[in-house]
């Protein structure tokens, strides 16, 4: 028995030493795989997750039947902007796409999100003149289930880590159509801009979303016109967080639609017949832009414009730029 205990202690010590020798990136993968396995078990009904799923489904069904039909907006300034429609005129599928249904996310939500462009494309930004710019640490459409208490989820944008109060820049000319405090959301302070096709050179109406601002952007208001490179607010990490301390980072995302119609709902922004676009695809200078077509491209590098430390757009005349200044 004593020999058996010594053998177990030796084996545990060996595992600890082996794990300590693994690099940080590998540790992240190991941890991610562990949580994904736990989530997979939960999907099979282990640990009472089946009951939890039924409860969330009933909550969503009740909201759809009782709240949604009478849903309006308190954003009176939104009604003055072209394309605005009431939130109850937007299909429920778009609420699922945006991830703003009441209650935790469900597999039905992620199925809709994938249908509407929420999948990885492999695109990578390459900056003009080999400039140094902040790039994502949590990237586009990665599986976020392990960060959402085992609930199915995708990451709906790209996270660019930068120090607190670093100025966040508008990626294109547009108008402010969304300002959200999001006290109970992980997004935190959020700004949404609407861009017409002539402002971006893209054949759609596009919407850029910027989240986690450190403070409420006092210089912005709904309906305000914005120019490429204008400062939207200070970078931060606002929003509901998990147990771990979250680094300051800008979460930025892009939605698009051929329809000019959109809506403002207290839980988030809605785009009629909207689709997700990899934010790097938004910065392409030629088609395709839609994720299904972009994914098929052999060359995944996208040459991206930016604003330098001197406040100049590079290359000159670029309609779309990176949301932080570059060196």
Foldseek 3Di string as FASTA:
>chain_A
DVVVVVVVVVVVVVVVVVVVPDDPVVVVVVLVVVLLVVLVVVVVPPPNSVVVQVVQVVVLVCCVVPPLCPAADPPPLLVVDPQEDGRSVADVLQCLLVVQGPDHHAPVSVVSVVVQAQDDQLADEQEPPRWADFFFPQFGQDFCCSQRVSHTDTQAFGKGFDAWFAFWWDFFKFFWNDFAQAAAFQFGTKTKTWDDCVTQVDLWIKIKMKGQAPDRQPVHDGGDIDHGGDGRGIWHRGHDHDPDDDGTIIGMWMKTDRRSHWYDHNRDTGDHVIGTWHVLLSQAPDDDGRSVVSSPDPDNYGYFWAAAPVRAIPPHPRRGHHGGHTD
